């Protein structure tokens, strides 16, 4: 919990008693590789951050094919935002690519925390803002860059990714086929 205390303190200045209360409510999670953190069709009742690990977020189309929406790592927010805010069934799933750890707040605790501690709301809002900016940048990259440029940009931002994420998921994330991914990697 000291790490959580440090993380929150870096983003928002809170009196010690408020920080203690928030830390007492926030819970720690651990999931093993292959376990779900968010399941499509279920209401997402948690919002959190990853402190260690990797998670892939995806949706399944009407042909039961998976489409990768995100790869999340240390420091990233983890939430099915629409489901969490409106308490409706999630339209995505998230599954651990490796043993993953982090912390979360349940929906009810989140509502109580933002009611009682407005600075905590600012902290969460900042995290959601970062999350949304990452998604906008991802969409811009998919629409404006060649397959090779997408791959190179991803490697520049997250050089560790090829050692932690199977290539089929990297290809899906970049919106390219596995064959195209192989050609790009051979040229490098």
C-alpha atoms as a PDB file:
ATOM      1  CA  UNK A   1       0.000   0.000   0.000  1.00  0.00           C
ATOM      2  CA  UNK A   2       2.993   2.315   0.345  1.00  0.00           C
ATOM      3  CA  UNK A   3       3.443   2.126  -3.428  1.00  0.00           C
ATOM      4  CA  UNK A   4      -0.200   3.105  -3.902  1.00  0.00           C
ATOM      5  CA  UNK A   5       0.265   5.971  -1.462  1.00  0.00           C
ATOM      6  CA  UNK A   6       3.254   7.169  -3.516  1.00  0.00           C
ATOM      7  CA  UNK A   7       1.398   6.873  -6.820  1.00  0.00           C
ATOM      8  CA  UNK A   8      -1.574   8.901  -5.602  1.00  0.00           C
ATOM      9  CA  UNK A   9       0.676  11.482  -3.894  1.00  0.00           C
ATOM     10  CA  UNK A  10       2.561  12.071  -7.151  1.00  0.00           C
ATOM     11  CA  UNK A  11      -0.672  13.095  -8.877  1.00  0.00           C
ATOM     12  CA  UNK A  12      -2.575  14.947  -6.175  1.00  0.00           C
ATOM     13  CA  UNK A  13      -1.673  16.631  -2.899  1.00  0.00           C
ATOM     14  CA  UNK A  14      -3.925  15.242  -0.166  1.00  0.00           C
ATOM     15  CA  UNK A  15      -3.904  15.684   3.583  1.00  0.00           C
ATOM     16  CA  UNK A  16      -2.580  12.552   5.331  1.00  0.00           C
ATOM     17  CA  UNK A  17      -5.985  11.602   6.792  1.00  0.00           C
ATOM     18  CA  UNK A  18      -7.651  11.760   3.345  1.00  0.00           C
ATOM     19  CA  UNK A  19      -4.871   9.731   1.767  1.00  0.00           C
ATOM     20  CA  UNK A  20      -5.121   7.141   4.573  1.00  0.00           C
ATOM     21  CA  UNK A  21      -8.881   6.830   4.033  1.00  0.00           C
ATOM     22  CA  UNK A  22      -8.516   6.417   0.283  1.00  0.00           C
ATOM     23  CA  UNK A  23      -5.768   3.813   0.654  1.00  0.00           C
ATOM     24  CA  UNK A  24      -7.911   1.901   3.173  1.00  0.00           C
ATOM     25  CA  UNK A  25     -10.728   1.620   0.612  1.00  0.00           C
ATOM     26  CA  UNK A  26      -8.668   0.795  -2.472  1.00  0.00           C
ATOM     27  CA  UNK A  27      -8.070  -2.911  -2.984  1.00  0.00           C
ATOM     28  CA  UNK A  28      -5.173  -4.813  -4.503  1.00  0.00           C
ATOM     29  CA  UNK A  29      -5.679  -7.402  -7.245  1.00  0.00           C
ATOM     30  CA  UNK A  30      -3.622 -10.252  -8.649  1.00  0.00           C
ATOM     31  CA  UNK A  31      -4.636 -12.283 -11.664  1.00  0.00           C
ATOM     32  CA  UNK A  32      -2.779 -15.102 -13.326  1.00  0.00           C
ATOM     33  CA  UNK A  33      -1.912 -15.210 -16.999  1.00  0.00           C
ATOM     34  CA  UNK A  34      -5.053 -16.046 -18.987  1.00  0.00           C
ATOM     35  CA  UNK A  35      -7.540 -14.843 -16.367  1.00  0.00           C
ATOM     36  CA  UNK A  36     -10.168 -12.238 -17.167  1.00  0.00           C
ATOM     37  CA  UNK A  37     -10.236  -8.839 -15.510  1.00  0.00           C
ATOM     38  CA  UNK A  38     -13.235  -7.648 -17.541  1.00  0.00           C
ATOM     39  CA  UNK A  39     -15.704  -9.959 -19.255  1.00  0.00           C
ATOM     40  CA  UNK A  40     -17.846  -8.859 -22.195  1.00  0.00           C
ATOM     41  CA  UNK A  41     -21.529  -8.904 -21.239  1.00  0.00           C
ATOM     42  CA  UNK A  42     -20.920  -8.393 -17.511  1.00  0.00           C
ATOM     43  CA  UNK A  43     -21.168  -5.045 -15.763  1.00  0.00           C
ATOM     44  CA  UNK A  44     -17.707  -3.635 -15.056  1.00  0.00           C
ATOM     45  CA  UNK A  45     -17.822  -2.826 -11.359  1.00  0.00           C
ATOM     46  CA  UNK A  46     -14.145  -1.860 -10.962  1.00  0.00           C
ATOM     47  CA  UNK A  47     -11.732   0.828 -12.071  1.00  0.00           C
ATOM     48  CA  UNK A  48      -8.026   0.441 -11.462  1.00  0.00           C
ATOM     49  CA  UNK A  49      -4.395   0.715 -12.504  1.00  0.00           C
ATOM     50  CA  UNK A  50      -1.853  -1.931 -13.355  1.00  0.00           C
ATOM     51  CA  UNK A  51       1.282  -1.886 -11.209  1.00  0.00           C
ATOM     52  CA  UNK A  52       2.898  -4.919 -12.837  1.00  0.00           C
ATOM     53  CA  UNK A  53       1.884  -7.051 -15.784  1.00  0.00           C
ATOM     54  CA  UNK A  54       0.258  -6.935 -19.190  1.00  0.00           C
ATOM     55  CA  UNK A  55      -3.381  -7.070 -20.280  1.00  0.00           C
ATOM     56  CA  UNK A  56      -5.051  -7.212 -23.664  1.00  0.00           C
ATOM     57  CA  UNK A  57      -8.462  -5.641 -24.195  1.00  0.00           C
ATOM     58  CA  UNK A  58     -10.629  -6.773 -27.079  1.00  0.00           C
ATOM     59  CA  UNK A  59     -14.157  -7.118 -28.391  1.00  0.00           C
ATOM     60  CA  UNK A  60     -15.730 -10.033 -30.200  1.00  0.00           C
ATOM     61  CA  UNK A  61     -17.654  -9.400 -33.437  1.00  0.00           C
ATOM     62  CA  UNK A  62     -20.795 -11.176 -34.660  1.00  0.00           C
ATOM     63  CA  UNK A  63     -18.593 -13.863 -36.283  1.00  0.00           C
ATOM     64  CA  UNK A  64     -17.006 -14.519 -32.886  1.00  0.00           C
ATOM     65  CA  UNK A  65     -13.674 -13.059 -34.037  1.00  0.00           C
ATOM     66  CA  UNK A  66     -11.597 -11.081 -31.545  1.00  0.00           C
ATOM     67  CA  UNK A  67     -10.438  -7.552 -32.344  1.00  0.00           C
ATOM     68  CA  UNK A  68      -7.753  -6.092 -30.126  1.00  0.00           C
ATOM     69  CA  UNK A  69      -8.479  -2.631 -28.733  1.00  0.00           C
ATOM     70  CA  UNK A  70      -5.629  -2.146 -26.345  1.00  0.00           C
ATOM     71  CA  UNK A  71      -2.502  -3.451 -24.704  1.00  0.00           C
ATOM     72  CA  UNK A  72      -2.099  -2.240 -21.143  1.00  0.00           C
ATOM     73  CA  UNK A  73       1.009  -2.291 -18.982  1.00  0.00           C
ATOM     74  CA  UNK A  74       2.404  -0.840 -15.761  1.00  0.00           C
ATOM     75  CA  UNK A  75       0.856   2.506 -14.914  1.00  0.00           C
ATOM     76  CA  UNK A  76      -2.053   2.112 -17.333  1.00  0.00           C
ATOM     77  CA  UNK A  77      -5.637   2.549 -16.238  1.00  0.00           C
ATOM     78  CA  UNK A  78      -7.822  -0.515 -16.593  1.00  0.00           C
ATOM     79  CA  UNK A  79     -11.558   0.036 -17.041  1.00  0.00           C
ATOM     80  CA  UNK A  80     -14.429  -0.692 -19.389  1.00  0.00           C
ATOM     81  CA  UNK A  81     -15.319   2.963 -19.071  1.00  0.00           C
ATOM     82  CA  UNK A  82     -18.853   3.023 -20.488  1.00  0.00           C
ATOM     83  CA  UNK A  83     -19.840  -0.061 -18.513  1.00  0.00           C
ATOM     84  CA  UNK A  84     -18.330   1.296 -15.306  1.00  0.00           C
ATOM     85  CA  UNK A  85     -19.848   4.786 -15.498  1.00  0.00           C
ATOM     86  CA  UNK A  86     -23.323   3.708 -16.639  1.00  0.00           C
ATOM     87  CA  UNK A  87     -23.301   0.286 -14.946  1.00  0.00           C
ATOM     88  CA  UNK A  88     -24.297  -1.459 -18.173  1.00  0.00           C
ATOM     89  CA  UNK A  89     -22.906  -4.703 -19.641  1.00  0.00           C
ATOM     90  CA  UNK A  90     -19.342  -4.338 -20.912  1.00  0.00           C
ATOM     91  CA  UNK A  91     -18.776  -4.405 -24.647  1.00  0.00           C
ATOM     92  CA  UNK A  92     -15.180  -5.556 -24.208  1.00  0.00           C
ATOM     93  CA  UNK A  93     -13.137  -8.169 -22.409  1.00  0.00           C
ATOM     94  CA  UNK A  94      -9.714  -7.830 -20.802  1.00  0.00           C
ATOM     95  CA  UNK A  95      -7.459 -10.791 -20.100  1.00  0.00           C
ATOM     96  CA  UNK A  96      -4.018 -10.989 -18.501  1.00  0.00           C
ATOM     97  CA  UNK A  97      -1.143 -11.781 -20.877  1.00  0.00           C
ATOM     98  CA  UNK A  98       1.099 -12.451 -17.876  1.00  0.00           C
ATOM     99  CA  UNK A  99       0.588 -12.544 -14.131  1.00  0.00           C
ATOM    100  CA  UNK A 100      -0.742  -9.061 -13.419  1.00  0.00           C
ATOM    101  CA  UNK A 101      -1.024  -6.970 -10.264  1.00  0.00           C
ATOM    102  CA  UNK A 102      -2.613  -3.642  -9.508  1.00  0.00           C
ATOM    103  CA  UNK A 103      -5.177  -1.868  -7.449  1.00  0.00           C
ATOM    104  CA  UNK A 104      -8.828  -1.018  -7.975  1.00  0.00           C
ATOM    105  CA  UNK A 105     -11.862   0.665  -6.535  1.00  0.00           C
ATOM    106  CA  UNK A 106     -15.366  -0.750  -6.820  1.00  0.00           C
ATOM    107  CA  UNK A 107     -18.120   1.384  -8.310  1.00  0.00           C
ATOM    108  CA  UNK A 108     -19.781   2.008  -4.928  1.00  0.00           C
ATOM    109  CA  UNK A 109     -16.472   2.913  -3.275  1.00  0.00           C
ATOM    110  CA  UNK A 110     -15.586   5.141  -6.220  1.00  0.00           C
ATOM    111  CA  UNK A 111     -18.858   7.056  -5.869  1.00  0.00           C
ATOM    112  CA  UNK A 112     -18.288   7.480  -2.118  1.00  0.00           C
ATOM    113  CA  UNK A 113     -14.664   8.565  -2.600  1.00  0.00           C
ATOM    114  CA  UNK A 114     -15.446  11.225  -5.191  1.00  0.00           C
ATOM    115  CA  UNK A 115     -18.320  12.486  -3.049  1.00  0.00           C
ATOM    116  CA  UNK A 116     -16.206  12.695   0.104  1.00  0.00           C
ATOM    117  CA  UNK A 117     -12.838  13.618  -1.454  1.00  0.00           C
ATOM    118  CA  UNK A 118     -13.053  15.933  -4.464  1.00  0.00           C
ATOM    119  CA  UNK A 119      -9.274  15.771  -4.939  1.00  0.00           C
ATOM    120  CA  UNK A 120      -9.566  12.013  -5.457  1.00  0.00           C
ATOM    121  CA  UNK A 121     -11.999  12.696  -8.274  1.00  0.00           C
ATOM    122  CA  UNK A 122      -9.351  14.954  -9.843  1.00  0.00           C
ATOM    123  CA  UNK A 123      -6.843  12.088  -9.572  1.00  0.00           C
ATOM    124  CA  UNK A 124      -9.224   9.640 -11.269  1.00  0.00           C
ATOM    125  CA  UNK A 125     -10.224  12.217 -13.879  1.00  0.00           C
ATOM    126  CA  UNK A 126      -6.528  12.741 -14.709  1.00  0.00           C
ATOM    127  CA  UNK A 127      -6.112   8.982 -15.175  1.00  0.00           C
ATOM    128  CA  UNK A 128      -9.191   8.762 -17.377  1.00  0.00           C
ATOM    129  CA  UNK A 129      -7.930  11.733 -19.382  1.00  0.00           C
ATOM    130  CA  UNK A 130      -4.599   9.958 -19.988  1.00  0.00           C
ATOM    131  CA  UNK A 131      -6.525   6.812 -20.960  1.00  0.00           C
ATOM    132  CA  UNK A 132      -8.664   8.738 -23.469  1.00  0.00           C
ATOM    133  CA  UNK A 133      -5.646  10.558 -24.966  1.00  0.00           C
ATOM    134  CA  UNK A 134      -3.904   7.220 -25.494  1.00  0.00           C
ATOM    135  CA  UNK A 135      -6.966   5.931 -27.342  1.00  0.00           C
ATOM    136  CA  UNK A 136      -7.135   9.042 -29.575  1.00  0.00           C
ATOM    137  CA  UNK A 137      -3.426   8.714 -30.431  1.00  0.00           C
ATOM    138  CA  UNK A 138      -3.951   5.022 -31.190  1.00  0.00           C
ATOM    139  CA  UNK A 139      -6.846   5.781 -33.550  1.00  0.00           C
ATOM    140  CA  UNK A 140      -4.844   8.526 -35.291  1.00  0.00           C
ATOM    141  CA  UNK A 141      -1.922   6.129 -35.722  1.00  0.00           C
ATOM    142  CA  UNK A 142      -4.155   3.426 -37.235  1.00  0.00           C
ATOM    143  CA  UNK A 143      -5.714   5.848 -39.698  1.00  0.00           C
ATOM    144  CA  UNK A 144      -2.702   7.867 -40.784  1.00  0.00           C
ATOM    145  CA  UNK A 145       0.386   5.653 -40.746  1.00  0.00           C
ATOM    146  CA  UNK A 146       1.586   2.774 -42.877  1.00  0.00           C
ATOM    147  CA  UNK A 147       1.901  -0.661 -41.313  1.00  0.00           C
ATOM    148  CA  UNK A 148       5.662  -0.198 -41.001  1.00  0.00           C
ATOM    149  CA  UNK A 149       5.248   3.234 -39.385  1.00  0.00           C
ATOM    150  CA  UNK A 150       2.709   1.826 -36.918  1.00  0.00           C
ATOM    151  CA  UNK A 151       5.104  -0.922 -35.902  1.00  0.00           C
ATOM    152  CA  UNK A 152       8.047   1.452 -35.567  1.00  0.00           C
ATOM    153  CA  UNK A 153       5.975   3.915 -33.511  1.00  0.00           C
ATOM    154  CA  UNK A 154       4.850   1.140 -31.184  1.00  0.00           C
ATOM    155  CA  UNK A 155       8.432  -0.071 -30.730  1.00  0.00           C
ATOM    156  CA  UNK A 156       9.609   3.479 -30.011  1.00  0.00           C
ATOM    157  CA  UNK A 157       6.881   3.937 -27.370  1.00  0.00           C
ATOM    158  CA  UNK A 158       7.056   0.460 -25.857  1.00  0.00           C
ATOM    159  CA  UNK A 159      10.324  -1.261 -26.822  1.00  0.00           C
ATOM    160  CA  UNK A 160       9.628  -4.087 -24.349  1.00  0.00           C
ATOM    161  CA  UNK A 161       6.430  -5.123 -26.131  1.00  0.00           C
ATOM    162  CA  UNK A 162       7.969  -7.755 -28.432  1.00  0.00           C
ATOM    163  CA  UNK A 163       9.327  -9.619 -25.404  1.00  0.00           C
ATOM    164  CA  UNK A 164       6.030  -9.585 -23.501  1.00  0.00           C
ATOM    165  CA  UNK A 165       3.209  -9.836 -26.048  1.00  0.00           C
ATOM    166  CA  UNK A 166       2.681 -12.564 -28.667  1.00  0.00           C
ATOM    167  CA  UNK A 167       3.182 -11.233 -32.198  1.00  0.00           C
ATOM    168  CA  UNK A 168      -0.379 -12.156 -33.223  1.00  0.00           C
ATOM    169  CA  UNK A 169      -1.695  -9.664 -30.651  1.00  0.00           C
ATOM    170  CA  UNK A 170       0.755  -6.972 -31.708  1.00  0.00           C
ATOM    171  CA  UNK A 171      -0.348  -7.447 -35.336  1.00  0.00           C
ATOM    172  CA  UNK A 172      -4.005  -7.267 -34.333  1.00  0.00           C
ATOM    173  CA  UNK A 173      -3.374  -4.150 -32.241  1.00  0.00           C
ATOM    174  CA  UNK A 174      -1.702  -2.489 -35.220  1.00  0.00           C
ATOM    175  CA  UNK A 175      -4.486  -3.544 -37.591  1.00  0.00           C
ATOM    176  CA  UNK A 176      -2.244  -5.669 -39.776  1.00  0.00           C
ATOM    177  CA  UNK A 177      -2.019  -9.346 -40.637  1.00  0.00           C
ATOM    178  CA  UNK A 178       0.525 -11.702 -39.109  1.00  0.00           C
ATOM    179  CA  UNK A 179       2.072 -12.066 -42.557  1.00  0.00           C
ATOM    180  CA  UNK A 180       2.556  -8.307 -42.900  1.00  0.00           C
ATOM    181  CA  UNK A 181       4.038  -8.246 -39.417  1.00  0.00           C
ATOM    182  CA  UNK A 182       6.531 -10.950 -40.421  1.00  0.00           C
ATOM    183  CA  UNK A 183       7.567  -9.002 -43.536  1.00  0.00           C
ATOM    184  CA  UNK A 184       8.079  -5.799 -41.552  1.00  0.00           C
ATOM    185  CA  UNK A 185      10.161  -7.593 -38.936  1.00  0.00           C
ATOM    186  CA  UNK A 186      12.361  -9.261 -41.609  1.00  0.00           C
ATOM    187  CA  UNK A 187      13.206  -5.888 -43.148  1.00  0.00           C
ATOM    188  CA  UNK A 188      14.323  -4.399 -39.807  1.00  0.00           C
END
